[in-house]
């Protein structure tokens, strides 16, 4: 396993641990969800369709584990990940399905501007943030787990 892949797996494992620990009591038992729902941000910033599928699988798995109405999930796309949310995306139907589950699918407007893309170039079922990386940082400051498949 290459050094880069090892680092990616370590980051993914940390995100899974953080997401899992969010509902744990000190004795290791899962505590009931409090009034505030846990939040998880899934970062997509590379051009690999395999990673795109993995990210969408992670969204589904998190919602299946916690319950769609008991967890906030955002899929934040920026940089080289832009292809995931373009109209020509091979995952277009999965993006629509993901949006219908209550997960937010967000595109970085800075990336779009840098690549001369408009909202007309993007899938219809998505939202927008000024800067994807800033969205991730702000959610992390609020205690959200960040996962990058």
Protein backbone atom coordinates (compact mmCIF):
# COMPACT_ATOMS: atom_id res chain seq x y z
CA UNK A 1 0.00 0.00 0.00
CA UNK A 2 1.38 3.36 -1.00
CA UNK A 3 2.08 6.09 1.49
CA UNK A 4 -0.71 8.30 0.08
CA UNK A 5 -3.28 5.49 0.28
CA UNK A 6 -2.19 4.71 3.85
CA UNK A 7 -2.77 8.33 4.85
CA UNK A 8 -6.19 8.38 3.17
CA UNK A 9 -7.21 5.22 4.99
CA UNK A 10 -5.98 6.67 8.29
CA UNK A 11 -8.06 9.82 7.75
CA UNK A 12 -11.10 7.71 6.86
CA UNK A 13 -10.61 5.53 9.93
CA UNK A 14 -10.34 8.62 12.14
CA UNK A 15 -13.57 9.99 10.69
CA UNK A 16 -15.36 6.71 11.32
CA UNK A 17 -14.06 6.62 14.89
CA UNK A 18 -15.14 10.22 15.51
CA UNK A 19 -18.56 9.59 14.03
CA UNK A 20 -18.94 6.44 16.10
CA UNK A 21 -17.76 8.08 19.30
CA UNK A 22 -20.20 10.95 18.94
CA UNK A 23 -22.95 8.78 20.36
CA UNK A 24 -20.90 6.88 22.98
CA UNK A 25 -21.11 7.18 26.74
CA UNK A 26 -18.06 6.83 28.96
CA UNK A 27 -18.79 3.14 29.50
CA UNK A 28 -18.68 2.47 25.76
CA UNK A 29 -22.43 2.05 25.32
CA UNK A 30 -24.15 4.13 22.68
CA UNK A 31 -26.00 6.99 24.34
CA UNK A 32 -29.36 8.08 23.00
CA UNK A 33 -29.13 10.96 20.54
CA UNK A 34 -29.51 14.29 22.30
CA UNK A 35 -31.64 17.16 21.03
CA UNK A 36 -28.72 18.37 18.91
CA UNK A 37 -28.11 15.96 16.05
CA UNK A 38 -24.54 14.88 15.32
CA UNK A 39 -23.13 16.21 12.08
CA UNK A 40 -20.82 14.68 9.51
CA UNK A 41 -19.24 16.44 6.53
CA UNK A 42 -18.05 14.27 3.66
CA UNK A 43 -15.35 16.01 1.60
CA UNK A 44 -15.05 15.32 -2.13
CA UNK A 45 -12.16 17.14 -3.75
CA UNK A 46 -10.68 14.74 -6.27
CA UNK A 47 -11.62 13.66 -9.78
CA UNK A 48 -11.83 9.89 -9.19
CA UNK A 49 -15.33 8.45 -9.82
CA UNK A 50 -14.47 5.55 -7.48
CA UNK A 51 -14.02 8.07 -4.68
CA UNK A 52 -17.29 9.75 -5.65
CA UNK A 53 -19.14 6.45 -5.31
CA UNK A 54 -17.41 5.74 -2.01
CA UNK A 55 -18.43 9.16 -0.68
CA UNK A 56 -22.06 8.55 -1.65
CA UNK A 57 -21.89 5.13 0.01
CA UNK A 58 -20.55 6.75 3.18
CA UNK A 59 -23.50 9.17 3.25
CA UNK A 60 -25.92 6.25 2.93
CA UNK A 61 -24.11 4.18 5.57
CA UNK A 62 -24.10 7.03 8.09
CA UNK A 63 -27.80 7.65 7.57
CA UNK A 64 -28.56 3.93 7.84
CA UNK A 65 -26.62 3.64 11.10
CA UNK A 66 -27.97 6.73 12.87
CA UNK A 67 -31.28 7.17 11.06
CA UNK A 68 -31.85 9.81 8.40
CA UNK A 69 -33.69 12.10 10.80
CA UNK A 70 -31.12 11.73 13.59
CA UNK A 71 -27.95 12.93 11.86
CA UNK A 72 -26.99 15.93 9.75
CA UNK A 73 -24.93 15.00 6.71
CA UNK A 74 -23.33 17.33 4.19
CA UNK A 75 -21.46 16.26 1.08
CA UNK A 76 -19.17 19.20 0.26
CA UNK A 77 -17.61 19.22 -3.20
CA UNK A 78 -14.79 21.49 -4.33
CA UNK A 79 -11.68 21.52 -6.51
CA UNK A 80 -11.20 18.49 -8.73
CA UNK A 81 -14.38 16.92 -7.36
CA UNK A 82 -16.52 19.29 -9.46
CA UNK A 83 -17.29 16.55 -12.00
CA UNK A 84 -19.42 14.76 -9.41
CA UNK A 85 -21.98 17.56 -9.50
CA UNK A 86 -21.87 18.55 -13.17
CA UNK A 87 -24.89 17.68 -15.31
CA UNK A 88 -22.77 15.12 -17.19
CA UNK A 89 -21.88 13.26 -13.97
CA UNK A 90 -22.14 9.48 -14.15
CA UNK A 91 -23.49 9.68 -10.57
CA UNK A 92 -26.31 12.15 -11.38
CA UNK A 93 -29.08 9.77 -10.31
CA UNK A 94 -27.27 8.97 -7.06
CA UNK A 95 -26.94 12.69 -6.30
CA UNK A 96 -30.70 13.12 -6.71
CA UNK A 97 -31.32 10.11 -4.44
CA UNK A 98 -28.87 11.45 -1.84
CA UNK A 99 -30.58 14.85 -1.80
CA UNK A 100 -33.95 13.17 -1.26
CA UNK A 101 -32.64 11.48 1.91
CA UNK A 102 -32.14 14.85 3.59
CA UNK A 103 -28.38 15.02 3.13
CA UNK A 104 -27.17 18.37 1.82
CA UNK A 105 -25.12 18.18 -1.37
CA UNK A 106 -23.12 21.40 -1.67
CA UNK A 107 -20.91 22.78 -4.44
CA UNK A 108 -18.15 25.33 -3.94
CA UNK A 109 -18.83 28.51 -5.91
CA UNK A 110 -15.14 29.46 -5.86
CA UNK A 111 -14.34 26.26 -7.75
CA UNK A 112 -17.12 26.96 -10.22
CA UNK A 113 -15.84 30.50 -10.84
CA UNK A 114 -12.28 29.26 -11.29
CA UNK A 115 -13.44 26.75 -13.89
CA UNK A 116 -15.88 29.14 -15.53
CA UNK A 117 -18.92 27.03 -14.62
CA UNK A 118 -22.37 28.36 -13.78
CA UNK A 119 -25.31 26.86 -11.93
CA UNK A 120 -26.69 25.92 -15.34
CA UNK A 121 -23.73 23.52 -15.72
CA UNK A 122 -24.53 21.79 -12.43
CA UNK A 123 -27.10 19.22 -11.33
CA UNK A 124 -30.43 20.68 -10.19
CA UNK A 125 -30.72 19.00 -6.77
CA UNK A 126 -27.74 20.65 -5.10
CA UNK A 127 -26.96 23.65 -2.92
CA UNK A 128 -24.06 26.07 -3.00
CA UNK A 129 -21.48 27.50 -0.61
CA UNK A 130 -19.04 30.32 -1.31
CA UNK A 131 -15.99 28.24 -0.35
CA UNK A 132 -16.17 24.49 0.20
CA UNK A 133 -13.10 24.33 2.41
CA UNK A 134 -14.45 27.13 4.62
CA UNK A 135 -17.77 25.25 4.95
CA UNK A 136 -15.82 22.22 6.18
CA UNK A 137 -13.74 24.29 8.62
CA UNK A 138 -16.83 26.00 10.05
CA UNK A 139 -18.67 22.71 10.52
CA UNK A 140 -15.61 21.20 12.20
CA UNK A 141 -15.51 24.15 14.62
CA UNK A 142 -19.11 23.27 15.52
CA UNK A 143 -18.07 19.71 16.38
CA UNK A 144 -18.99 18.00 13.13
CA UNK A 145 -16.89 15.00 12.12
CA UNK A 146 -15.09 15.37 8.78
CA UNK A 147 -14.62 12.32 6.55
CA UNK A 148 -12.68 12.26 3.32
CA UNK A 149 -13.08 8.93 1.52
